[in-house]
């Protein structure tokens, strides 16, 4: 996120502090971090992912089947299939990233017109340094004790 704010400044784009806060909230709320291109970067999906919310306690209806939920996840250990700690840059993967990302996710049950689309946000978390925070944040949100980044930002703007 900091590099995006730096890029904005380096390219002569002037943003008020309130706009930078909005930019950070947008990136944090709708984006996800990865190391796919060799160094940590943030991506925002321009497709269906932007319109999904987290399906609490295994209620995801889109993604890939996983028994992992915010309630049964071990906060001390990232599941092996999600751990990105030792993910080196891979030029072959890089060249075929679009094909990889356009496959693998699917509807987990029928989604009727008007149904909200839910995914399991833990499937997008693999950073060891943030795993406990991610799990605990989702537990708080699912228990109704916390709000997501976008909701927090919107509430702050109303004040």
N, C-alpha and C. Protein backbone atom coordinates (compact mmCIF):
# COMPACT_ATOMS: atom_id res chain seq x y z
N UNK A 1 0.84 -1.18 0.00
CA UNK A 1 0.00 0.00 0.00
C UNK A 1 0.88 1.24 0.00
N UNK A 2 1.93 1.22 0.79
CA UNK A 2 2.81 2.37 0.86
C UNK A 2 3.43 2.65 -0.50
N UNK A 3 3.78 1.61 -1.25
CA UNK A 3 4.39 1.83 -2.56
C UNK A 3 3.40 2.46 -3.53
N UNK A 4 2.12 2.15 -3.39
CA UNK A 4 1.11 2.77 -4.24
C UNK A 4 1.02 4.26 -3.94
N UNK A 5 1.01 4.60 -2.67
CA UNK A 5 0.96 6.00 -2.27
C UNK A 5 2.22 6.72 -2.76
N UNK A 6 3.39 6.05 -2.66
CA UNK A 6 4.63 6.62 -3.18
C UNK A 6 4.54 6.83 -4.68
N UNK A 7 4.01 5.85 -5.41
CA UNK A 7 3.87 5.94 -6.87
C UNK A 7 3.01 7.14 -7.24
N UNK A 8 1.91 7.32 -6.51
CA UNK A 8 1.02 8.46 -6.78
C UNK A 8 1.82 9.76 -6.67
N UNK A 9 2.58 9.90 -5.59
CA UNK A 9 3.39 11.11 -5.40
C UNK A 9 4.46 11.28 -6.45
N UNK A 10 5.15 10.20 -6.82
CA UNK A 10 6.23 10.26 -7.80
C UNK A 10 5.73 10.63 -9.18
N UNK A 11 4.47 10.37 -9.46
CA UNK A 11 3.92 10.66 -10.79
C UNK A 11 3.14 11.96 -10.82
N UNK A 12 3.38 12.80 -9.82
CA UNK A 12 2.80 14.13 -9.84
C UNK A 12 1.31 14.19 -9.57
N UNK A 13 0.77 13.11 -9.05
CA UNK A 13 -0.66 13.10 -8.73
C UNK A 13 -0.82 13.64 -7.32
N UNK A 14 -1.66 14.64 -7.18
CA UNK A 14 -1.85 15.27 -5.89
C UNK A 14 -3.14 14.75 -5.27
N UNK A 15 -3.02 14.18 -4.09
CA UNK A 15 -4.19 13.70 -3.37
C UNK A 15 -4.21 14.33 -1.99
N UNK A 16 -5.39 14.70 -1.55
CA UNK A 16 -5.54 15.19 -0.18
C UNK A 16 -5.36 14.01 0.76
N UNK A 17 -5.01 14.26 2.01
CA UNK A 17 -4.82 13.18 2.98
C UNK A 17 -6.07 12.32 3.08
N UNK A 18 -7.26 12.93 3.00
CA UNK A 18 -8.50 12.15 3.08
C UNK A 18 -8.62 11.21 1.88
N UNK A 19 -8.13 11.63 0.72
CA UNK A 19 -8.16 10.77 -0.45
C UNK A 19 -7.17 9.63 -0.33
N UNK A 20 -6.00 9.91 0.26
CA UNK A 20 -5.01 8.85 0.47
C UNK A 20 -5.59 7.81 1.42
N UNK A 21 -6.27 8.27 2.46
CA UNK A 21 -6.94 7.33 3.37
C UNK A 21 -7.96 6.48 2.64
N UNK A 22 -8.68 7.11 1.72
CA UNK A 22 -9.65 6.37 0.92
C UNK A 22 -8.99 5.37 0.00
N UNK A 23 -7.86 5.76 -0.59
CA UNK A 23 -7.10 4.87 -1.46
C UNK A 23 -6.58 3.66 -0.67
N UNK A 24 -6.02 3.93 0.49
CA UNK A 24 -5.53 2.84 1.33
C UNK A 24 -6.65 1.91 1.76
N UNK A 25 -7.81 2.47 2.13
CA UNK A 25 -8.95 1.64 2.53
C UNK A 25 -9.42 0.78 1.36
N UNK A 26 -9.45 1.37 0.16
CA UNK A 26 -9.89 0.64 -1.03
C UNK A 26 -8.94 -0.52 -1.32
N UNK A 27 -7.64 -0.25 -1.30
CA UNK A 27 -6.66 -1.30 -1.58
C UNK A 27 -6.71 -2.39 -0.52
N UNK A 28 -6.78 -1.99 0.74
CA UNK A 28 -6.82 -2.97 1.83
C UNK A 28 -8.14 -3.73 1.85
N UNK A 29 -9.24 -3.04 1.55
CA UNK A 29 -10.55 -3.67 1.61
C UNK A 29 -10.87 -4.57 0.44
N UNK A 30 -10.42 -4.19 -0.75
CA UNK A 30 -10.77 -4.96 -1.94
C UNK A 30 -9.58 -5.70 -2.55
N UNK A 31 -8.38 -5.41 -2.09
CA UNK A 31 -7.20 -6.04 -2.67
C UNK A 31 -6.69 -7.19 -1.84
N UNK A 32 -5.67 -7.82 -2.36
CA UNK A 32 -4.99 -8.88 -1.61
C UNK A 32 -3.52 -8.85 -1.96
N UNK A 33 -2.73 -9.18 -0.95
CA UNK A 33 -1.28 -9.16 -1.11
C UNK A 33 -0.81 -10.50 -1.68
N UNK A 34 0.23 -10.44 -2.47
CA UNK A 34 0.84 -11.67 -2.98
C UNK A 34 2.30 -11.43 -3.26
N UNK A 35 3.02 -12.50 -3.48
CA UNK A 35 4.43 -12.44 -3.85
C UNK A 35 4.63 -13.11 -5.21
N UNK A 36 3.59 -13.12 -6.00
CA UNK A 36 3.64 -13.85 -7.27
C UNK A 36 4.69 -13.33 -8.23
N UNK A 37 4.97 -12.07 -8.18
CA UNK A 37 5.92 -11.50 -9.13
C UNK A 37 7.29 -11.28 -8.51
N UNK A 38 7.57 -11.98 -7.42
CA UNK A 38 8.90 -11.92 -6.82
C UNK A 38 9.00 -11.03 -5.60
N UNK A 39 8.18 -10.02 -5.50
CA UNK A 39 8.19 -9.18 -4.31
C UNK A 39 6.74 -8.91 -3.94
N UNK A 40 6.51 -8.54 -2.71
CA UNK A 40 5.16 -8.33 -2.24
C UNK A 40 4.49 -7.22 -3.04
N UNK A 41 3.29 -7.52 -3.51
CA UNK A 41 2.52 -6.53 -4.24
C UNK A 41 1.04 -6.69 -3.87
N UNK A 42 0.28 -5.67 -4.18
CA UNK A 42 -1.16 -5.69 -3.91
C UNK A 42 -1.88 -5.72 -5.25
N UNK A 43 -2.92 -6.53 -5.32
CA UNK A 43 -3.73 -6.63 -6.53
C UNK A 43 -5.19 -6.42 -6.16
N UNK A 44 -5.92 -5.83 -7.08
CA UNK A 44 -7.36 -5.71 -6.92
C UNK A 44 -7.98 -6.37 -8.14
N UNK A 45 -8.75 -7.40 -7.90
CA UNK A 45 -9.38 -8.13 -8.99
C UNK A 45 -10.45 -7.26 -9.63
N UNK A 46 -10.45 -7.21 -10.94
CA UNK A 46 -11.44 -6.39 -11.63
C UNK A 46 -12.66 -7.22 -12.02
N UNK A 47 -12.70 -8.45 -11.55
CA UNK A 47 -13.82 -9.33 -11.86
C UNK A 47 -14.72 -9.54 -10.66
N UNK A 48 -15.19 -10.74 -10.53
CA UNK A 48 -16.20 -11.08 -9.53
C UNK A 48 -15.70 -10.96 -8.08
N UNK A 49 -14.40 -11.13 -7.85
CA UNK A 49 -13.89 -11.09 -6.47
C UNK A 49 -14.20 -9.77 -5.76
N UNK A 50 -14.24 -8.68 -6.50
CA UNK A 50 -14.50 -7.38 -5.88
C UNK A 50 -15.89 -7.30 -5.28
N UNK A 51 -16.80 -8.14 -5.74
CA UNK A 51 -18.19 -8.07 -5.28
C UNK A 51 -18.53 -9.14 -4.25
N UNK A 52 -17.54 -9.84 -3.74
CA UNK A 52 -17.78 -10.89 -2.76
C UNK A 52 -17.50 -10.42 -1.36
N UNK A 53 -18.16 -11.06 -0.43
CA UNK A 53 -17.87 -10.88 0.99
C UNK A 53 -17.45 -12.21 1.56
N UNK A 54 -16.97 -12.18 2.79
CA UNK A 54 -16.56 -13.41 3.44
C UNK A 54 -17.78 -14.19 3.89
N UNK A 55 -17.80 -15.47 3.62
CA UNK A 55 -18.86 -16.36 4.09
C UNK A 55 -18.47 -16.93 5.45
N UNK A 56 -19.03 -16.38 6.50
CA UNK A 56 -18.68 -16.82 7.85
C UNK A 56 -19.04 -18.27 8.10
N UNK A 57 -18.19 -18.93 8.87
CA UNK A 57 -18.40 -20.31 9.32
C UNK A 57 -18.73 -21.28 8.20
N UNK A 58 -17.99 -21.17 7.12
CA UNK A 58 -18.13 -22.14 6.04
C UNK A 58 -19.32 -21.92 5.12
N UNK A 59 -19.87 -20.70 5.07
CA UNK A 59 -21.03 -20.44 4.22
C UNK A 59 -20.65 -19.94 2.82
N UNK A 60 -19.38 -20.03 2.45
CA UNK A 60 -18.96 -19.60 1.12
C UNK A 60 -19.73 -20.38 0.06
N UNK A 61 -20.14 -19.68 -0.99
CA UNK A 61 -20.83 -20.36 -2.09
C UNK A 61 -20.03 -20.25 -3.39
N UNK A 62 -18.83 -19.68 -3.30
CA UNK A 62 -17.97 -19.55 -4.46
C UNK A 62 -16.52 -19.70 -4.01
N UNK A 63 -15.70 -20.33 -4.80
CA UNK A 63 -14.29 -20.52 -4.47
C UNK A 63 -13.88 -21.93 -4.76
N UNK A 64 -13.25 -22.56 -3.81
CA UNK A 64 -13.00 -23.99 -3.91
C UNK A 64 -13.25 -24.59 -2.54
N UNK A 65 -13.71 -25.84 -2.55
CA UNK A 65 -14.15 -26.45 -1.31
C UNK A 65 -13.01 -26.56 -0.31
N UNK A 66 -13.25 -26.03 0.85
CA UNK A 66 -12.28 -26.09 1.93
C UNK A 66 -13.03 -26.23 3.23
N UNK A 67 -12.54 -27.06 4.11
CA UNK A 67 -13.19 -27.21 5.42
C UNK A 67 -12.65 -26.18 6.41
N UNK A 68 -11.70 -25.38 5.99
CA UNK A 68 -11.10 -24.36 6.86
C UNK A 68 -12.07 -23.20 7.05
N UNK A 69 -12.30 -22.81 8.29
CA UNK A 69 -13.12 -21.63 8.59
C UNK A 69 -12.37 -20.76 9.59
N UNK A 70 -12.87 -19.56 9.81
CA UNK A 70 -12.25 -18.67 10.78
C UNK A 70 -12.32 -19.26 12.19
N UNK A 71 -13.28 -20.15 12.45
CA UNK A 71 -13.44 -20.71 13.79
C UNK A 71 -12.56 -21.93 14.03
N UNK A 72 -12.24 -22.71 12.99
CA UNK A 72 -11.41 -23.90 13.22
C UNK A 72 -9.95 -23.72 12.79
N UNK A 73 -9.62 -22.54 12.26
CA UNK A 73 -8.24 -22.28 11.85
C UNK A 73 -7.33 -22.12 13.06
N UNK A 74 -6.17 -22.74 13.00
CA UNK A 74 -5.15 -22.58 14.04
C UNK A 74 -4.45 -21.24 13.80
N UNK A 75 -4.57 -20.33 14.76
CA UNK A 75 -3.99 -19.00 14.57
C UNK A 75 -2.47 -19.01 14.55
N UNK A 76 -1.86 -20.09 14.99
CA UNK A 76 -0.40 -20.17 15.04
C UNK A 76 0.23 -20.82 13.81
N UNK A 77 -0.59 -21.44 12.96
CA UNK A 77 -0.03 -22.18 11.83
C UNK A 77 -0.83 -21.93 10.56
N UNK A 78 -0.17 -21.42 9.54
CA UNK A 78 -0.81 -21.25 8.24
C UNK A 78 -0.87 -22.63 7.58
N UNK A 79 -2.05 -23.05 7.09
CA UNK A 79 -2.12 -24.35 6.39
C UNK A 79 -1.12 -24.39 5.24
N UNK A 80 -0.50 -25.54 5.06
CA UNK A 80 0.56 -25.70 4.06
C UNK A 80 0.14 -25.23 2.67
N UNK A 81 -1.11 -25.53 2.27
CA UNK A 81 -1.56 -25.16 0.93
C UNK A 81 -1.74 -23.66 0.74
N UNK A 82 -1.77 -22.90 1.84
CA UNK A 82 -1.92 -21.44 1.76
C UNK A 82 -0.63 -20.69 2.04
N UNK A 83 0.34 -21.36 2.63
CA UNK A 83 1.59 -20.71 3.05
C UNK A 83 2.40 -20.24 1.84
N UNK A 84 2.66 -18.92 1.81
CA UNK A 84 3.42 -18.34 0.70
C UNK A 84 4.84 -17.95 1.11
N UNK A 85 5.27 -18.40 2.28
CA UNK A 85 6.57 -18.00 2.81
C UNK A 85 7.71 -18.28 1.84
N UNK A 86 7.75 -19.47 1.30
CA UNK A 86 8.87 -19.87 0.44
C UNK A 86 8.46 -19.92 -1.03
N UNK A 87 7.67 -18.96 -1.46
CA UNK A 87 7.23 -18.94 -2.85
C UNK A 87 8.16 -18.07 -3.68
N UNK A 88 9.14 -18.69 -4.33
CA UNK A 88 10.07 -17.90 -5.15
C UNK A 88 9.39 -17.44 -6.43
N UNK A 89 9.95 -16.44 -7.05
CA UNK A 89 9.44 -15.98 -8.34
C UNK A 89 9.60 -17.10 -9.35
N UNK A 90 8.56 -17.32 -10.13
CA UNK A 90 8.57 -18.39 -11.12
C UNK A 90 8.12 -17.80 -12.46
N UNK A 91 9.04 -17.68 -13.40
CA UNK A 91 8.73 -17.05 -14.68
C UNK A 91 7.68 -17.83 -15.46
N UNK A 92 7.66 -19.15 -15.35
CA UNK A 92 6.65 -19.94 -16.05
C UNK A 92 5.26 -19.64 -15.48
N UNK A 93 5.18 -19.62 -14.15
CA UNK A 93 3.90 -19.29 -13.51
C UNK A 93 3.48 -17.87 -13.89
N UNK A 94 4.43 -16.96 -13.87
CA UNK A 94 4.15 -15.57 -14.21
C UNK A 94 3.52 -15.46 -15.61
N UNK A 95 4.07 -16.18 -16.56
CA UNK A 95 3.57 -16.11 -17.95
C UNK A 95 2.19 -16.75 -18.11
N UNK A 96 1.82 -17.62 -17.17
CA UNK A 96 0.54 -18.32 -17.27
C UNK A 96 -0.40 -17.95 -16.12
N UNK A 97 -0.12 -16.83 -15.47
CA UNK A 97 -0.91 -16.43 -14.31
C UNK A 97 -2.39 -16.29 -14.63
N UNK A 98 -2.72 -15.68 -15.76
CA UNK A 98 -4.13 -15.47 -16.10
C UNK A 98 -4.87 -16.80 -16.19
N UNK A 99 -4.26 -17.80 -16.82
CA UNK A 99 -4.91 -19.10 -16.93
C UNK A 99 -5.08 -19.74 -15.54
N UNK A 100 -4.08 -19.59 -14.69
CA UNK A 100 -4.15 -20.17 -13.35
C UNK A 100 -5.27 -19.50 -12.56
N UNK A 101 -5.33 -18.18 -12.62
CA UNK A 101 -6.33 -17.46 -11.84
C UNK A 101 -7.74 -17.59 -12.40
N UNK A 102 -7.85 -17.89 -13.68
CA UNK A 102 -9.17 -18.05 -14.27
C UNK A 102 -9.71 -19.47 -14.13
N UNK A 103 -9.00 -20.30 -13.42
CA UNK A 103 -9.46 -21.67 -13.19
C UNK A 103 -9.35 -21.99 -11.72
N UNK A 104 -10.05 -23.01 -11.29
CA UNK A 104 -9.94 -23.45 -9.90
C UNK A 104 -11.07 -23.00 -9.01
N UNK A 105 -11.56 -21.80 -9.17
CA UNK A 105 -12.70 -21.34 -8.38
C UNK A 105 -13.99 -21.65 -9.13
N UNK A 106 -15.01 -22.01 -8.39
CA UNK A 106 -16.29 -22.36 -9.00
C UNK A 106 -17.38 -22.22 -7.95
N UNK A 107 -18.63 -22.29 -8.38
CA UNK A 107 -19.72 -22.20 -7.42
C UNK A 107 -19.74 -23.49 -6.59
N UNK A 108 -19.94 -23.34 -5.31
CA UNK A 108 -19.95 -24.48 -4.40
C UNK A 108 -21.37 -25.01 -4.18
N UNK A 109 -22.35 -24.21 -4.55
CA UNK A 109 -23.74 -24.60 -4.53
C UNK A 109 -24.47 -23.65 -5.47
N UNK A 110 -25.71 -23.94 -5.76
CA UNK A 110 -26.46 -23.08 -6.67
C UNK A 110 -26.61 -21.68 -6.05
N UNK A 111 -26.37 -20.69 -6.86
CA UNK A 111 -26.53 -19.30 -6.42
C UNK A 111 -27.70 -18.72 -7.20
N UNK A 112 -28.76 -18.42 -6.46
CA UNK A 112 -29.96 -17.90 -7.09
C UNK A 112 -29.83 -16.41 -7.36
N UNK A 113 -30.63 -15.91 -8.28
CA UNK A 113 -30.65 -14.48 -8.57
C UNK A 113 -30.94 -13.72 -7.28
N UNK A 114 -30.13 -12.72 -7.00
CA UNK A 114 -30.31 -11.91 -5.80
C UNK A 114 -29.52 -12.40 -4.60
N UNK A 115 -28.98 -13.64 -4.66
CA UNK A 115 -28.15 -14.15 -3.55
C UNK A 115 -26.84 -13.39 -3.51
N UNK A 116 -26.34 -13.17 -2.31
CA UNK A 116 -25.01 -12.57 -2.17
C UNK A 116 -23.97 -13.64 -2.44
N UNK A 117 -22.86 -13.23 -3.02
CA UNK A 117 -21.77 -14.17 -3.31
C UNK A 117 -20.76 -14.09 -2.19
N UNK A 118 -20.46 -15.25 -1.60
CA UNK A 118 -19.53 -15.34 -0.49
C UNK A 118 -18.35 -16.24 -0.86
N UNK A 119 -17.17 -15.83 -0.46
CA UNK A 119 -15.99 -16.68 -0.59
C UNK A 119 -15.36 -16.81 0.79
N UNK A 120 -14.36 -17.64 0.89
CA UNK A 120 -13.66 -17.81 2.16
C UNK A 120 -12.39 -16.96 2.10
N UNK A 121 -12.38 -15.83 2.80
CA UNK A 121 -11.24 -14.93 2.76
C UNK A 121 -9.94 -15.59 3.22
N UNK A 122 -10.04 -16.64 4.02
CA UNK A 122 -8.81 -17.31 4.46
C UNK A 122 -8.06 -17.92 3.28
N UNK A 123 -8.79 -18.24 2.21
CA UNK A 123 -8.14 -18.79 1.02
C UNK A 123 -7.20 -17.79 0.37
N UNK A 124 -7.35 -16.50 0.69
CA UNK A 124 -6.50 -15.46 0.10
C UNK A 124 -5.43 -15.00 1.08
N UNK A 125 -5.34 -15.65 2.22
CA UNK A 125 -4.37 -15.28 3.25
C UNK A 125 -3.31 -16.36 3.34
N UNK A 126 -2.07 -15.98 3.20
CA UNK A 126 -1.01 -16.98 3.29
C UNK A 126 0.26 -16.42 3.88
N UNK A 127 0.22 -15.15 4.28
CA UNK A 127 1.39 -14.51 4.85
C UNK A 127 1.51 -14.90 6.32
N UNK A 128 2.57 -15.59 6.68
CA UNK A 128 2.76 -16.06 8.05
C UNK A 128 2.68 -14.90 9.05
N UNK A 129 3.29 -13.76 8.69
CA UNK A 129 3.34 -12.64 9.61
C UNK A 129 1.97 -12.04 9.89
N UNK A 130 0.98 -12.26 9.03
CA UNK A 130 -0.35 -11.68 9.22
C UNK A 130 -1.44 -12.71 9.48
N UNK A 131 -1.09 -14.00 9.49
CA UNK A 131 -2.09 -15.06 9.59
C UNK A 131 -2.96 -14.92 10.84
N UNK A 132 -2.35 -14.81 12.01
CA UNK A 132 -3.13 -14.71 13.25
C UNK A 132 -4.07 -13.51 13.20
N UNK A 133 -3.56 -12.38 12.73
CA UNK A 133 -4.39 -11.17 12.63
C UNK A 133 -5.56 -11.39 11.68
N UNK A 134 -5.32 -12.03 10.54
CA UNK A 134 -6.39 -12.30 9.57
C UNK A 134 -7.48 -13.17 10.18
N UNK A 135 -7.07 -14.26 10.83
CA UNK A 135 -8.03 -15.18 11.43
C UNK A 135 -8.83 -14.47 12.53
N UNK A 136 -8.14 -13.75 13.40
CA UNK A 136 -8.81 -13.07 14.51
C UNK A 136 -9.73 -11.96 14.01
N UNK A 137 -9.34 -11.26 12.96
CA UNK A 137 -10.19 -10.22 12.38
C UNK A 137 -11.48 -10.83 11.84
N UNK A 138 -11.37 -11.94 11.12
CA UNK A 138 -12.56 -12.60 10.58
C UNK A 138 -13.44 -13.15 11.70
N UNK A 139 -12.83 -13.68 12.75
CA UNK A 139 -13.62 -14.15 13.89
C UNK A 139 -14.42 -13.00 14.50
N UNK A 140 -13.77 -11.85 14.66
CA UNK A 140 -14.46 -10.69 15.21
C UNK A 140 -15.59 -10.22 14.32
N UNK A 141 -15.35 -10.17 13.02
CA UNK A 141 -16.39 -9.74 12.08
C UNK A 141 -17.56 -10.73 12.07
N UNK A 142 -17.25 -12.01 12.08
CA UNK A 142 -18.30 -13.02 12.03
C UNK A 142 -19.10 -13.09 13.33
N UNK A 143 -18.49 -12.69 14.43
CA UNK A 143 -19.20 -12.65 15.71
C UNK A 143 -19.96 -11.34 15.88
N UNK A 144 -19.84 -10.43 14.91
CA UNK A 144 -20.52 -9.15 14.99
C UNK A 144 -19.85 -8.17 15.93
N UNK A 145 -18.58 -8.42 16.24
CA UNK A 145 -17.84 -7.57 17.19
C UNK A 145 -16.87 -6.62 16.49
N UNK A 146 -16.73 -6.73 15.18
CA UNK A 146 -15.78 -5.90 14.44
C UNK A 146 -16.34 -5.65 13.04
N UNK A 147 -15.75 -4.67 12.38
CA UNK A 147 -16.15 -4.31 11.02
C UNK A 147 -14.97 -4.47 10.09
N UNK A 148 -15.27 -4.69 8.81
CA UNK A 148 -14.22 -4.76 7.80
C UNK A 148 -13.67 -3.39 7.48
N UNK A 149 -12.60 -3.36 6.72
CA UNK A 149 -11.91 -2.12 6.38
C UNK A 149 -12.82 -1.10 5.71
N UNK A 150 -13.60 -1.52 4.74
CA UNK A 150 -14.47 -0.59 4.01
C UNK A 150 -15.54 -0.02 4.94
N UNK A 151 -16.18 -0.87 5.74
CA UNK A 151 -17.20 -0.39 6.68
C UNK A 151 -16.60 0.59 7.69
N UNK A 152 -15.41 0.28 8.18
CA UNK A 152 -14.74 1.20 9.13
C UNK A 152 -14.49 2.54 8.47
N UNK A 153 -14.00 2.54 7.24
CA UNK A 153 -13.72 3.77 6.53
C UNK A 153 -15.00 4.58 6.31
N UNK A 154 -16.07 3.91 5.89
CA UNK A 154 -17.34 4.59 5.64
C UNK A 154 -17.89 5.21 6.93
N UNK A 155 -17.77 4.49 8.05
CA UNK A 155 -18.24 5.04 9.34
C UNK A 155 -17.41 6.25 9.74
N UNK A 156 -16.10 6.19 9.51
CA UNK A 156 -15.22 7.31 9.85
C UNK A 156 -15.58 8.54 9.01
N UNK A 157 -15.88 8.34 7.74
CA UNK A 157 -16.21 9.47 6.86
C UNK A 157 -17.51 10.16 7.29
N UNK A 158 -18.42 9.43 7.91
CA UNK A 158 -19.69 10.00 8.35
C UNK A 158 -19.53 10.88 9.58
N UNK A 159 -18.44 10.70 10.31
CA UNK A 159 -18.22 11.47 11.54
C UNK A 159 -17.75 12.86 11.26
